[in-house]
Protein backbone atom coordinates (compact mmCIF):
# COMPACT_ATOMS: atom_id res chain seq x y z
CA MET A 1 82.45 118.26 72.00
CA PRO A 2 80.30 119.18 75.02
CA SER A 3 78.87 122.67 75.32
CA ALA A 4 80.41 125.02 77.86
CA THR A 5 77.28 124.66 80.00
CA THR A 6 77.60 120.85 80.11
CA ALA A 7 81.40 121.06 80.72
CA ALA A 8 81.12 123.41 83.60
CA ALA A 9 78.32 121.42 85.37
CA ILE A 10 80.39 118.78 87.29
CA ASP A 11 79.88 118.99 91.03
CA ALA A 12 83.05 117.53 92.59
CA VAL A 13 81.37 116.64 95.86
CA GLU A 14 78.44 114.89 94.22
CA LEU A 15 80.77 113.03 91.88
CA THR A 16 82.84 111.96 94.85
CA ARG A 17 79.70 110.64 96.63
CA ASP A 18 78.70 108.77 93.43
CA LEU A 19 82.13 107.10 93.41
CA ILE A 20 82.04 106.22 97.13
CA ARG A 21 78.70 104.47 96.59
CA ARG A 22 80.56 101.97 94.44
CA PRO A 23 82.22 99.67 96.99
CA SER A 24 85.40 99.17 94.88
CA VAL A 25 87.45 97.26 97.49
CA THR A 26 90.53 95.93 95.64
CA PRO A 27 90.26 94.08 93.31
CA ALA A 28 86.56 94.70 92.86
CA ASP A 29 85.52 97.50 90.59
CA ALA A 30 81.78 97.68 91.55
CA GLY A 31 81.16 100.07 88.70
CA ALA A 32 83.42 102.85 89.91
CA MET A 33 85.52 102.94 86.71
CA GLY A 34 82.31 103.20 84.73
CA VAL A 35 81.36 106.34 86.60
CA VAL A 36 84.67 107.93 85.83
CA GLU A 37 84.54 106.83 82.13
CA ALA A 38 81.01 108.19 81.66
CA THR A 39 81.95 111.48 83.29
CA LEU A 40 85.00 112.05 81.10
CA ALA A 41 83.31 110.78 77.93
CA GLY A 42 80.65 113.47 78.65
CA LEU A 43 83.35 116.11 78.49
CA GLY A 44 84.67 114.92 75.12
CA PHE A 45 87.50 112.69 76.33
CA ALA A 46 88.50 109.70 74.21
CA CYS A 47 88.24 106.90 76.82
CA ARG A 48 90.01 103.56 76.65
CA ARG A 49 89.42 100.82 79.17
CA MET A 50 92.60 98.73 79.73
CA ARG A 51 91.79 95.57 81.64
CA PHE A 52 94.69 93.43 82.98
CA GLY A 53 93.83 90.28 84.94
CA GLN A 54 90.95 91.18 87.21
CA ILE A 55 91.82 94.93 87.24
CA GLU A 56 89.91 97.68 85.43
CA ASN A 57 92.09 100.61 84.28
CA LEU A 58 91.22 103.65 82.28
CA TYR A 59 93.23 105.98 80.06
CA ALA A 60 91.29 108.95 78.76
CA ARG A 61 92.57 111.92 76.74
CA TYR A 62 91.06 115.25 75.70
CA GLY A 63 92.91 116.68 72.69
CA THR A 64 95.74 115.28 70.62
CA ALA A 65 98.27 118.03 70.75
CA ARG A 66 101.09 118.52 73.19
CA PRO A 67 101.82 119.25 75.94
CA ASN A 68 99.81 116.51 77.61
CA LEU A 69 99.10 117.08 81.29
CA CYS A 70 97.99 113.83 82.95
CA PHE A 71 96.08 113.24 86.16
CA ALA A 72 96.63 109.88 87.83
CA GLY A 73 94.65 108.22 90.54
CA HIS A 74 92.89 105.07 91.70
CA THR A 75 89.27 104.06 92.28
CA ASP A 76 90.04 101.10 94.45
CA VAL A 77 89.90 101.35 98.20
CA VAL A 78 90.98 99.32 101.24
CA PRO A 79 88.45 97.18 103.18
CA VAL A 80 86.10 98.88 105.68
CA GLY A 81 87.35 96.84 108.66
CA ASP A 82 84.80 96.76 111.48
CA ALA A 83 81.71 98.05 109.75
CA GLY A 84 79.97 98.40 113.12
CA ALA A 85 82.53 100.91 114.29
CA TRP A 86 81.63 103.42 111.55
CA SER A 87 79.31 106.18 112.57
CA LYS A 88 77.69 105.94 109.11
CA ASP A 89 77.64 103.25 106.44
CA ALA A 90 81.08 103.31 104.91
CA PHE A 91 79.59 103.42 101.35
CA ALA A 92 76.62 105.65 101.91
CA ALA A 93 78.63 108.82 101.30
CA GLU A 94 76.76 110.91 103.69
CA VAL A 95 77.64 114.60 104.47
CA VAL A 96 77.34 115.45 108.12
CA ASP A 97 78.06 118.95 109.33
CA GLY A 98 79.98 119.77 106.14
CA VAL A 99 82.11 116.64 106.18
CA LEU A 100 81.84 113.75 103.65
CA LEU A 101 82.16 110.36 105.28
CA GLY A 102 82.99 107.19 103.39
CA ARG A 103 85.69 104.80 102.39
CA GLY A 104 87.73 106.49 99.63
CA SER A 105 86.63 109.99 100.50
CA VAL A 106 90.27 110.90 101.24
CA ASP A 107 92.12 108.15 99.45
CA MET A 108 91.31 109.19 96.80
CA LYS A 109 87.98 109.34 95.01
CA SER A 110 87.60 113.07 95.93
CA ALA A 111 90.76 113.89 94.00
CA ILE A 112 89.51 112.16 90.84
CA ALA A 113 86.25 114.10 91.11
CA ALA A 114 88.05 117.36 91.81
CA PHE A 115 90.37 117.03 88.83
CA ALA A 116 87.40 116.06 86.59
CA ALA A 117 85.51 119.18 87.73
CA ALA A 118 88.68 121.30 87.15
CA ALA A 119 89.15 119.81 83.70
CA ALA A 120 85.54 120.54 82.85
CA LYS A 121 85.95 124.17 83.69
CA ALA A 122 89.21 124.39 81.75
CA ILE A 123 87.59 122.82 78.66
CA ALA A 124 84.55 125.11 78.95
CA ALA A 125 86.94 128.14 79.15
CA GLY A 126 88.94 127.00 76.17
CA GLN A 127 92.14 126.87 78.28
CA VAL A 128 93.41 123.50 77.02
CA ALA A 129 96.17 124.43 74.58
CA GLY A 130 97.28 120.84 74.30
CA SER A 131 95.86 117.78 76.01
CA ILE A 132 94.53 116.72 79.39
CA SER A 133 94.56 112.96 80.14
CA PHE A 134 93.49 110.69 83.06
CA LEU A 135 95.28 107.52 84.02
CA ILE A 136 92.98 105.75 86.50
CA THR A 137 93.61 102.29 88.00
CA GLY A 138 91.69 99.89 90.24
CA ASP A 139 94.93 98.30 91.58
CA GLU A 140 96.73 100.82 93.71
CA GLU A 141 95.69 99.50 97.11
CA GLY A 142 96.37 95.86 96.17
CA VAL A 143 99.45 94.12 94.81
CA ALA A 144 99.77 96.78 92.13
CA THR A 145 100.76 94.33 89.37
CA ASP A 146 97.86 94.76 86.93
CA GLY A 147 97.28 98.51 87.37
CA THR A 148 99.30 101.59 86.67
CA VAL A 149 102.51 99.66 85.92
CA LYS A 150 100.86 97.73 83.10
CA VAL A 151 99.11 100.82 81.71
CA VAL A 152 102.38 102.75 81.73
CA GLN A 153 104.19 99.85 79.99
CA ALA A 154 101.47 99.76 77.27
CA LEU A 155 101.48 103.48 76.79
CA MET A 156 105.27 103.56 76.49
CA ALA A 157 105.18 100.71 73.97
CA GLU A 158 102.64 102.70 71.92
CA GLY A 159 104.62 105.85 72.01
CA GLU A 160 102.01 107.86 73.92
CA ALA A 161 103.47 111.12 75.03
CA ILE A 162 102.65 112.41 78.49
CA ASP A 163 104.67 115.50 79.44
CA HIS A 164 103.82 115.93 83.09
CA CYS A 165 101.65 114.20 85.65
CA VAL A 166 99.86 115.08 88.84
CA VAL A 167 98.81 112.25 91.18
CA GLY A 168 95.95 112.90 93.51
CA GLU A 169 97.16 111.07 96.61
CA PRO A 170 96.30 112.66 99.98
CA THR A 171 99.68 114.39 100.47
CA SER A 172 98.71 117.16 102.86
CA ALA A 173 99.97 116.41 106.37
CA GLU A 174 98.24 118.70 108.97
CA ALA A 175 96.42 121.29 106.92
CA PHE A 176 95.14 121.35 103.35
CA GLY A 177 97.94 122.24 100.92
CA ASP A 178 100.83 122.19 103.45
CA MET A 179 102.72 119.43 101.52
CA VAL A 180 103.29 118.25 98.00
CA LYS A 181 105.19 115.11 97.19
CA VAL A 182 108.03 115.50 94.64
CA GLY A 183 109.51 112.01 95.17
CA ARG A 184 109.27 108.81 97.16
CA ARG A 185 111.61 106.42 98.84
CA GLY A 186 111.92 102.97 97.36
CA SER A 187 110.58 99.87 99.03
CA ILE A 188 111.86 96.28 99.24
CA ASN A 189 110.38 93.37 101.17
CA ALA A 190 112.13 90.13 101.99
CA ASP A 191 110.80 86.79 103.11
CA ILE A 192 113.44 84.82 105.10
CA LEU A 193 113.18 81.05 105.55
CA VAL A 194 115.73 79.25 107.71
CA GLU A 195 115.45 75.37 107.41
CA GLY A 196 117.20 73.38 110.13
CA ILE A 197 116.71 69.90 111.53
CA GLN A 198 113.89 69.21 114.00
CA GLY A 199 114.76 67.34 117.09
CA HIS A 200 114.36 66.78 120.84
CA VAL A 201 115.47 69.72 123.02
CA ALA A 202 117.35 67.24 125.30
CA TYR A 203 119.47 66.05 122.35
CA PRO A 204 120.54 69.20 120.54
CA GLN A 205 123.42 67.38 118.94
CA ARG A 206 120.87 65.51 116.75
CA ALA A 207 119.13 68.68 115.61
CA ALA A 208 120.00 72.00 113.96
CA ASN A 209 118.03 74.83 115.54
CA PRO A 210 117.10 77.44 112.89
CA VAL A 211 116.01 80.14 115.43
CA PRO A 212 119.53 81.27 116.58
CA VAL A 213 120.59 81.42 112.95
CA LEU A 214 117.58 83.60 112.12
CA ILE A 215 118.28 85.80 115.11
CA LYS A 216 121.91 86.15 114.11
CA LEU A 217 120.89 87.09 110.55
CA LEU A 218 118.29 89.67 111.65
CA SER A 219 120.76 91.17 114.15
CA ALA A 220 123.31 91.63 111.37
CA LEU A 221 120.79 93.24 109.12
CA GLN A 222 119.45 95.61 111.76
CA ASP A 223 122.82 96.58 113.14
CA ARG A 224 123.84 98.26 109.91
CA VAL A 225 123.16 101.96 109.65
CA LEU A 226 121.96 102.12 106.10
CA ASP A 227 122.68 105.86 105.64
CA GLU A 228 122.21 109.23 107.24
CA GLY A 229 119.79 110.46 104.66
CA TYR A 230 120.05 111.87 101.16
CA PRO A 231 119.38 115.36 99.77
CA GLU A 232 115.53 115.75 99.87
CA PHE A 233 115.13 112.45 101.61
CA GLN A 234 115.04 111.10 105.21
CA PRO A 235 117.30 108.16 106.25
CA SER A 236 116.53 104.67 104.99
CA ASN A 237 115.00 102.34 107.59
CA LEU A 238 114.73 98.57 107.95
CA GLU A 239 111.78 97.15 109.93
CA VAL A 240 111.26 93.53 110.82
CA THR A 241 107.54 92.91 110.34
CA MET A 242 107.13 89.18 111.25
CA ILE A 243 109.05 86.46 113.06
CA GLU A 244 107.74 82.94 113.63
CA ALA A 245 108.97 79.40 114.38
CA PRO A 246 105.90 77.18 114.02
CA ASN A 247 106.08 74.91 117.00
CA THR A 248 103.27 73.72 119.31
CA ALA A 249 105.50 71.70 121.70
CA THR A 250 107.88 72.83 124.46
CA ASN A 251 110.32 69.98 124.06
CA VAL A 252 110.91 70.10 120.23
CA ILE A 253 113.56 72.07 118.46
CA PRO A 254 111.68 73.47 115.44
CA GLY A 255 112.73 72.57 111.92
CA VAL A 256 112.01 75.94 110.37
CA ALA A 257 112.04 79.63 111.35
CA ARG A 258 110.70 82.54 109.28
CA ALA A 259 110.83 86.30 109.17
CA ARG A 260 109.77 89.16 106.99
CA LEU A 261 111.19 92.60 106.67
CA ASN A 262 110.85 95.82 104.75
CA ILE A 263 113.29 98.56 103.91
CA ARG A 264 112.15 102.05 102.80
CA PHE A 265 115.27 103.38 101.11
CA ASN A 266 116.47 106.65 99.59
CA PRO A 267 118.64 107.07 96.44
CA ASN A 268 121.76 105.94 98.36
CA HIS A 269 120.57 102.44 97.43
CA THR A 270 118.86 100.50 94.75
CA GLY A 271 116.58 97.58 95.42
CA GLN A 272 119.06 95.14 93.80
CA GLN A 273 121.96 96.39 95.89
CA LEU A 274 119.93 95.74 99.03
CA ALA A 275 118.80 92.29 97.78
CA ASP A 276 122.49 91.48 97.15
CA TRP A 277 123.28 92.55 100.71
CA PHE A 278 120.65 90.26 102.05
CA GLU A 279 122.28 87.32 100.29
CA LEU A 280 125.72 88.25 101.69
CA GLU A 281 124.46 88.43 105.31
CA ALA A 282 122.57 85.13 104.79
CA TRP A 283 125.78 83.48 103.68
CA ARG A 284 127.70 84.77 106.70
CA ALA A 285 124.99 83.62 109.06
CA SER A 286 124.90 80.15 107.52
CA VAL A 287 128.64 79.40 108.08
CA GLY A 288 128.78 76.13 110.13
CA PHE A 289 125.02 75.65 109.95
CA PRO A 290 123.99 72.33 108.38
CA GLY A 291 120.68 73.78 107.33
CA LYS A 292 119.65 76.28 104.64
CA ILE A 293 118.74 79.91 104.43
CA THR A 294 116.50 81.24 101.63
CA ILE A 295 115.74 84.91 101.16
CA THR A 296 113.07 85.99 98.68
CA PRO A 297 113.20 89.68 97.99
CA GLN A 298 110.39 91.68 96.28
CA ILE A 299 111.28 95.15 95.04
CA SER A 300 108.07 97.15 94.88
CA GLY A 301 109.66 100.39 93.81
CA GLU A 302 112.90 102.37 93.45
CA ALA A 303 113.53 105.72 95.11
CA PHE A 304 112.95 108.76 92.77
CA LEU A 305 112.92 112.49 92.86
CA THR A 306 111.33 114.98 90.50
CA GLN A 307 113.96 117.69 90.38
CA ARG A 308 112.82 121.18 91.36
CA GLY A 309 112.21 123.40 88.39
CA ALA A 310 109.36 124.96 86.35
CA PHE A 311 106.84 122.19 86.92
CA THR A 312 107.34 121.89 90.69
CA GLU A 313 107.24 125.65 91.00
CA LEU A 314 104.05 125.76 88.97
CA VAL A 315 102.30 123.27 91.28
CA ALA A 316 103.58 124.95 94.37
CA ALA A 317 102.39 128.32 93.10
CA ALA A 318 98.86 126.85 92.30
CA VAL A 319 98.64 125.59 95.89
CA ALA A 320 99.79 128.96 97.30
CA ASP A 321 97.18 130.70 95.12
CA VAL A 322 94.46 128.84 97.03
CA THR A 323 95.89 128.48 100.58
CA GLY A 324 98.01 131.69 100.83
CA GLN A 325 101.06 129.63 101.80
CA PRO A 326 103.63 127.79 99.70
CA PRO A 327 103.65 124.00 100.39
CA GLU A 328 106.57 121.98 101.60
CA LEU A 329 108.04 119.89 98.82
CA SER A 330 108.55 116.45 100.41
CA THR A 331 109.59 112.85 99.72
CA SER A 332 108.25 111.44 102.96
CA GLY A 333 105.69 108.71 103.47
CA GLY A 334 105.04 105.44 101.65
CA THR A 335 104.95 104.43 98.09
CA SER A 336 102.42 105.37 95.44
CA ASP A 337 101.81 104.78 91.76
CA ALA A 338 103.99 107.78 91.05
CA ARG A 339 106.89 105.22 91.19
CA PHE A 340 105.63 103.80 87.91
CA ILE A 341 104.51 107.01 86.19
CA ARG A 342 107.96 108.56 86.66
CA ALA A 343 109.10 106.24 83.77
CA LEU A 344 106.90 108.35 81.52
CA CYS A 345 107.37 111.87 82.74
CA PRO A 346 108.01 114.20 85.66
CA VAL A 347 105.40 113.61 88.41
CA VAL A 348 104.19 115.33 91.56
CA GLU A 349 101.51 114.45 94.03
CA VAL A 350 99.01 116.83 95.59
CA GLY A 351 95.82 116.04 97.44
CA LEU A 352 93.86 116.22 100.66
CA VAL A 353 94.90 115.80 104.28
CA GLY A 354 95.69 112.17 104.72
CA LYS A 355 94.98 111.74 108.44
CA THR A 356 91.89 109.57 108.13
CA MET A 357 92.89 107.45 105.08
CA HIS A 358 92.42 103.76 105.72
CA GLN A 359 90.76 104.54 109.05
CA VAL A 360 87.26 103.98 110.42
CA ASP A 361 85.11 107.02 109.54
CA GLU A 362 87.44 108.15 106.71
CA ARG A 363 86.25 111.64 105.94
CA ALA A 364 86.98 114.78 103.95
CA PRO A 365 85.54 118.25 104.64
CA VAL A 366 83.57 119.44 101.74
CA ALA A 367 85.35 122.75 101.78
CA GLU A 368 88.68 121.04 101.30
CA ILE A 369 87.46 119.01 98.37
CA LEU A 370 86.46 122.32 96.75
CA GLN A 371 89.89 123.79 97.67
CA LEU A 372 91.47 120.85 95.93
CA GLN A 373 89.38 121.48 92.83
CA ALA A 374 90.58 125.06 92.92
CA VAL A 375 94.21 124.01 93.15
CA TYR A 376 93.76 121.69 90.18
CA GLU A 377 91.99 124.49 88.26
CA ARG A 378 95.05 126.71 88.82
CA ILE A 379 97.48 124.04 87.88
CA ILE A 380 95.69 123.56 84.52
CA ALA A 381 95.43 127.26 83.91
CA ARG A 382 99.07 127.89 84.74
CA TYR A 383 100.18 124.86 82.75
CA PHE A 384 98.59 125.93 79.48
CA SER A 385 99.13 129.73 79.88
């Protein structure tokens, strides 16, 4: 085991900078997972790399007893975009006027570093009356098929016990610590293909135009009010994200029309129920149409809620210890890997202010990274007290 001096020596800001300098744009790892592994191994964690497909994942555990408090996060980041629009190199990890700039500074390499630093202090202080673990993936920003979901499946098959989990996503909305996520809406995508019969616009009787059929189907889907909300959740919403009828001529009725949509849904629905509804509306829209409608749904996550209780109260109190204000417990926003981890244990998400995530000049104030470390320190101390 490391000495108390070694364990307490992690600088969360410098570790974040080290991670940012690894350009781990999904699915590339670029050495980022190795930095995390070496850091945790130096603290006495038993580290296990779990590679699925192209994706590097890591499960590391300090201790063997229960309860096992897990921290989950991801080392992968989204692309830089227009590199010339950045005020500094996106992977240089420069600190300017007390602010750390770089891709992944907010989402979410700083949270990994902050929890590692907090864990180091807890280990040095002898606070870990159980186990601390890390579940880190390189596949959160991508298709998320070879990352956390695969690690969770493997751990469940092995009987690995994780009692509670904190995910380090940037959950704060306007000011640090103002929001903690205790659940997420589900998400379903659907690709719609309407196949008709191509023909001359002057002879419509010889063709079957797929465009009006697609419009009819989309109108039926959008006209339905999915719900008025659910306790702890905002209303479900359907958004059409793409429509096209590939056709370069003005005098040709196209043979195909396509669309794509997404629904973010609360617990009033399941992904399968919505997929079945798509099929029903497609059948109705196809009545009298000689062509074919194909809908391909992809359910990327079901809605879930971590019920308020001792764990959510513990996390909220830890945030209040640092900020002086209790956070809002929310289910707003997009999806995260918490949707997979909830199969293992209760899960909450707490991290930095997310305003600049995925943007040019993504940045995190150094003071807030240290505040996040302090929150994590208090979560660990309260958890094992």
